[in-house]
């Protein structure tokens, strides 16, 4: 499932840590917005890792789930591309 993840982190150090965690799961599409294809397990893992980094009293991270049917209607004006799900094969 595609997720759009946005954040508002006032502290520079924590903001950098959040971005690094998000890069392990998805792709940056704007300065504080990421897209990631996540299954239930990956989503839980991502949230667990982010909880270790943020201060819930100061920081905000939002997760927007985009259904498969809705993905077809994503539009981009200007630069950018839609994040596609990558199939991984382990041999």
C-alpha atoms as a PDB file:
ATOM      1  CA  UNK A   1       0.000   0.000   0.000  1.00  0.00           C
ATOM      2  CA  UNK A   2       1.286   3.472  -0.838  1.00  0.00           C
ATOM      3  CA  UNK A   3       1.704   5.894   2.066  1.00  0.00           C
ATOM      4  CA  UNK A   4       2.403   9.602   1.921  1.00  0.00           C
ATOM      5  CA  UNK A   5       4.288  10.600   5.058  1.00  0.00           C
ATOM      6  CA  UNK A   6       4.782  14.209   6.089  1.00  0.00           C
ATOM      7  CA  UNK A   7       6.445  15.648   9.129  1.00  0.00           C
ATOM      8  CA  UNK A   8       6.920  18.858  11.072  1.00  0.00           C
ATOM      9  CA  UNK A   9       9.961  18.583  13.336  1.00  0.00           C
ATOM     10  CA  UNK A  10      11.264  21.865  14.816  1.00  0.00           C
ATOM     11  CA  UNK A  11      14.605  20.440  16.012  1.00  0.00           C
ATOM     12  CA  UNK A  12      17.228  20.137  13.240  1.00  0.00           C
ATOM     13  CA  UNK A  13      18.941  17.071  14.724  1.00  0.00           C
ATOM     14  CA  UNK A  14      15.696  15.112  15.173  1.00  0.00           C
ATOM     15  CA  UNK A  15      14.453  16.223  11.749  1.00  0.00           C
ATOM     16  CA  UNK A  16      17.597  14.799  10.130  1.00  0.00           C
ATOM     17  CA  UNK A  17      17.189  11.522  12.037  1.00  0.00           C
ATOM     18  CA  UNK A  18      13.543  11.255  10.960  1.00  0.00           C
ATOM     19  CA  UNK A  19      14.511  11.846   7.326  1.00  0.00           C
ATOM     20  CA  UNK A  20      17.202   9.154   7.519  1.00  0.00           C
ATOM     21  CA  UNK A  21      14.735   6.631   8.927  1.00  0.00           C
ATOM     22  CA  UNK A  22      12.193   7.480   6.232  1.00  0.00           C
ATOM     23  CA  UNK A  23      14.835   7.053   3.513  1.00  0.00           C
ATOM     24  CA  UNK A  24      15.219   3.435   4.660  1.00  0.00           C
ATOM     25  CA  UNK A  25      11.586   2.838   3.705  1.00  0.00           C
ATOM     26  CA  UNK A  26      10.719   5.190   0.878  1.00  0.00           C
ATOM     27  CA  UNK A  27      11.596   8.156  -1.296  1.00  0.00           C
ATOM     28  CA  UNK A  28      11.648  11.863  -0.536  1.00  0.00           C
ATOM     29  CA  UNK A  29       9.235  13.685  -2.849  1.00  0.00           C
ATOM     30  CA  UNK A  30       9.406  17.109  -1.180  1.00  0.00           C
ATOM     31  CA  UNK A  31      11.465  18.545   1.656  1.00  0.00           C
ATOM     32  CA  UNK A  32       9.321  17.088   4.457  1.00  0.00           C
ATOM     33  CA  UNK A  33       7.228  14.614   2.457  1.00  0.00           C
ATOM     34  CA  UNK A  34       8.026  11.005   1.623  1.00  0.00           C
ATOM     35  CA  UNK A  35       6.222   8.280  -0.315  1.00  0.00           C
ATOM     36  CA  UNK A  36       6.655   4.624   0.570  1.00  0.00           C
ATOM     37  CA  UNK A  37       5.052   1.322  -0.381  1.00  0.00           C
ATOM     38  CA  UNK A  38       4.611  -0.464   2.937  1.00  0.00           C
ATOM     39  CA  UNK A  39       3.003  -3.688   4.045  1.00  0.00           C
ATOM     40  CA  UNK A  40       1.599  -4.003   7.569  1.00  0.00           C
ATOM     41  CA  UNK A  41       4.870  -5.262   9.029  1.00  0.00           C
ATOM     42  CA  UNK A  42       6.990  -2.551   7.385  1.00  0.00           C
ATOM     43  CA  UNK A  43       4.579   0.166   8.511  1.00  0.00           C
ATOM     44  CA  UNK A  44       4.784  -1.066  12.107  1.00  0.00           C
ATOM     45  CA  UNK A  45       8.581  -1.244  11.905  1.00  0.00           C
ATOM     46  CA  UNK A  46       8.758   2.301  10.503  1.00  0.00           C
ATOM     47  CA  UNK A  47       6.496   3.718  13.216  1.00  0.00           C
ATOM     48  CA  UNK A  48       8.475   1.904  15.930  1.00  0.00           C
ATOM     49  CA  UNK A  49      11.737   3.387  14.653  1.00  0.00           C
ATOM     50  CA  UNK A  50      10.256   6.882  14.358  1.00  0.00           C
ATOM     51  CA  UNK A  51       8.856   6.769  17.905  1.00  0.00           C
ATOM     52  CA  UNK A  52      12.420   6.254  19.161  1.00  0.00           C
ATOM     53  CA  UNK A  53      13.548   9.459  17.438  1.00  0.00           C
ATOM     54  CA  UNK A  54      10.775  12.008  17.941  1.00  0.00           C
ATOM     55  CA  UNK A  55       9.442  13.923  20.908  1.00  0.00           C
ATOM     56  CA  UNK A  56       5.684  13.458  20.691  1.00  0.00           C
ATOM     57  CA  UNK A  57       5.146  16.662  22.690  1.00  0.00           C
ATOM     58  CA  UNK A  58       6.907  18.734  19.974  1.00  0.00           C
ATOM     59  CA  UNK A  59       6.969  16.777  16.718  1.00  0.00           C
ATOM     60  CA  UNK A  60       4.323  15.666  14.253  1.00  0.00           C
ATOM     61  CA  UNK A  61       4.419  12.894  11.649  1.00  0.00           C
ATOM     62  CA  UNK A  62       1.374  12.160   9.502  1.00  0.00           C
ATOM     63  CA  UNK A  63       0.670   8.993   7.525  1.00  0.00           C
ATOM     64  CA  UNK A  64      -1.779   9.124   4.618  1.00  0.00           C
ATOM     65  CA  UNK A  65      -2.707   5.765   3.106  1.00  0.00           C
ATOM     66  CA  UNK A  66      -3.411   5.942  -0.624  1.00  0.00           C
ATOM     67  CA  UNK A  67      -5.538   3.054  -1.887  1.00  0.00           C
ATOM     68  CA  UNK A  68      -4.552   1.261  -5.073  1.00  0.00           C
ATOM     69  CA  UNK A  69      -7.480   2.706  -6.994  1.00  0.00           C
ATOM     70  CA  UNK A  70      -6.645   6.240  -5.812  1.00  0.00           C
ATOM     71  CA  UNK A  71      -2.989   5.872  -6.875  1.00  0.00           C
ATOM     72  CA  UNK A  72      -4.186   5.959 -10.478  1.00  0.00           C
ATOM     73  CA  UNK A  73      -5.365   9.527  -9.956  1.00  0.00           C
ATOM     74  CA  UNK A  74      -2.165  11.003  -8.522  1.00  0.00           C
ATOM     75  CA  UNK A  75      -1.156  14.055 -10.527  1.00  0.00           C
ATOM     76  CA  UNK A  76       2.116  15.938 -10.428  1.00  0.00           C
ATOM     77  CA  UNK A  77       2.552  19.489 -11.665  1.00  0.00           C
ATOM     78  CA  UNK A  78       6.153  20.386 -12.396  1.00  0.00           C
ATOM     79  CA  UNK A  79       9.041  18.116 -11.540  1.00  0.00           C
ATOM     80  CA  UNK A  80       8.722  14.743  -9.908  1.00  0.00           C
ATOM     81  CA  UNK A  81       7.528  11.244 -10.540  1.00  0.00           C
ATOM     82  CA  UNK A  82       5.152   8.862  -8.851  1.00  0.00           C
ATOM     83  CA  UNK A  83       6.822   6.414  -6.500  1.00  0.00           C
ATOM     84  CA  UNK A  84       6.425   2.913  -7.858  1.00  0.00           C
ATOM     85  CA  UNK A  85       6.439  -0.246  -5.810  1.00  0.00           C
ATOM     86  CA  UNK A  86       9.689  -2.150  -6.229  1.00  0.00           C
ATOM     87  CA  UNK A  87       9.668  -5.911  -6.256  1.00  0.00           C
ATOM     88  CA  UNK A  88      12.548  -7.415  -4.306  1.00  0.00           C
ATOM     89  CA  UNK A  89      13.850 -10.889  -4.979  1.00  0.00           C
ATOM     90  CA  UNK A  90      16.228 -12.561  -2.542  1.00  0.00           C
ATOM     91  CA  UNK A  91      18.218 -15.421  -4.009  1.00  0.00           C
END
